Amino acid sequence: MMPEPFVSVKEVAQFLRMAPRTISRMARQGRIPAHPVSGSIRRTWRFKLSEIGLFFESHPPTPTIEVGRPNPAERQQ
């Protein structure tokens, strides 16, 4: 059996239908499973799609409200 290959930020972004910058930020913050492959300050990240899939299956996203925008439920009519 062949080991699972590591994939790039761009491939994870396509898999999750998210922006690559968002994936990079989440990796940097430790919010998703990621593997740094460079020792510099500006890290290069690699991922395993199986880890990403399992992570999001066990950690469903919670809705967030952006700061500075009114909550639609609180709008006055």
Protein backbone atom coordinates (compact mmCIF):
# COMPACT_ATOMS: atom_id res chain seq x y z
CA MET A 1 0.00 0.00 0.00
CA MET A 2 1.37 3.42 -0.98
CA PRO A 3 1.48 6.18 1.64
CA GLU A 4 -0.90 9.07 1.14
CA PRO A 5 0.76 12.01 -0.61
CA PHE A 6 0.94 15.45 0.92
CA VAL A 7 -0.92 18.19 -0.93
CA SER A 8 -0.54 21.97 -1.20
CA VAL A 9 -2.60 24.83 0.19
CA LYS A 10 -4.16 25.30 -3.23
CA GLU A 11 -5.32 21.66 -3.39
CA VAL A 12 -6.85 21.84 0.10
CA ALA A 13 -8.58 25.10 -0.83
CA GLN A 14 -10.12 23.41 -3.87
CA PHE A 15 -11.12 20.37 -1.77
CA LEU A 16 -12.87 22.57 0.82
CA ARG A 17 -14.02 25.24 -1.64
CA MET A 18 -12.29 27.95 0.37
CA ALA A 19 -9.73 30.62 -0.43
CA PRO A 20 -6.06 29.57 -0.25
CA ARG A 21 -5.30 32.52 2.06
CA THR A 22 -7.92 31.24 4.50
CA ILE A 23 -6.35 27.77 4.49
CA SER A 24 -2.88 29.26 5.10
CA ARG A 25 -4.19 31.40 7.97
CA MET A 26 -5.97 28.42 9.56
CA ALA A 27 -2.78 26.33 9.30
CA ARG A 28 -0.68 29.12 10.83
CA GLN A 29 -3.17 29.46 13.71
CA GLY A 30 -3.21 25.69 14.31
CA ARG A 31 -6.92 25.49 13.52
CA ILE A 32 -6.54 22.66 10.97
CA PRO A 33 -4.12 19.71 10.74
CA ALA A 34 -1.08 20.91 8.78
CA HIS A 35 2.58 20.02 8.40
CA PRO A 36 5.20 22.78 8.03
CA VAL A 37 7.90 21.85 5.54
CA SER A 38 10.17 24.89 5.76
CA GLY A 39 12.13 26.26 8.67
CA SER A 40 11.73 29.91 7.77
CA ILE A 41 9.37 32.46 9.27
CA ARG A 42 7.26 32.28 6.11
CA ARG A 43 6.26 28.63 6.34
CA THR A 44 5.28 26.34 3.53
CA TRP A 45 2.45 24.05 4.57
CA ARG A 46 1.50 20.59 3.35
CA PHE A 47 -1.61 18.62 4.19
CA LYS A 48 -3.11 15.15 3.97
CA LEU A 49 -6.64 15.27 2.60
CA SER A 50 -7.67 12.35 4.83
CA GLU A 51 -6.67 14.36 7.94
CA ILE A 52 -8.52 17.43 6.67
CA GLY A 53 -11.64 15.39 5.89
CA LEU A 54 -11.67 13.67 9.29
CA PHE A 55 -11.03 16.96 11.07
CA PHE A 56 -14.01 18.72 9.46
CA GLU A 57 -16.26 15.69 9.99
CA SER A 58 -15.52 15.79 13.73
CA HIS A 59 -15.39 19.62 14.01
CA PRO A 60 -18.33 21.05 12.07
CA PRO A 61 -17.98 24.79 11.45
CA THR A 62 -19.98 27.10 13.66
CA PRO A 63 -21.63 30.19 12.22
CA THR A 64 -19.83 33.40 13.03
CA ILE A 65 -20.90 37.00 12.90
CA GLU A 66 -18.42 39.44 11.44
CA VAL A 67 -17.42 42.37 13.62
CA GLY A 68 -18.76 45.63 12.33
CA ARG A 69 -21.68 44.14 10.48
CA PRO A 70 -25.18 44.12 11.97
CA ASN A 71 -26.61 40.76 12.89
CA PRO A 72 -29.56 40.15 10.51
CA ALA A 73 -31.58 38.74 13.42
CA GLU A 74 -31.12 41.98 15.35
CA ARG A 75 -32.07 44.39 12.56
CA GLN A 76 -34.94 46.67 13.36
CA GLN A 77 -37.64 47.05 10.75
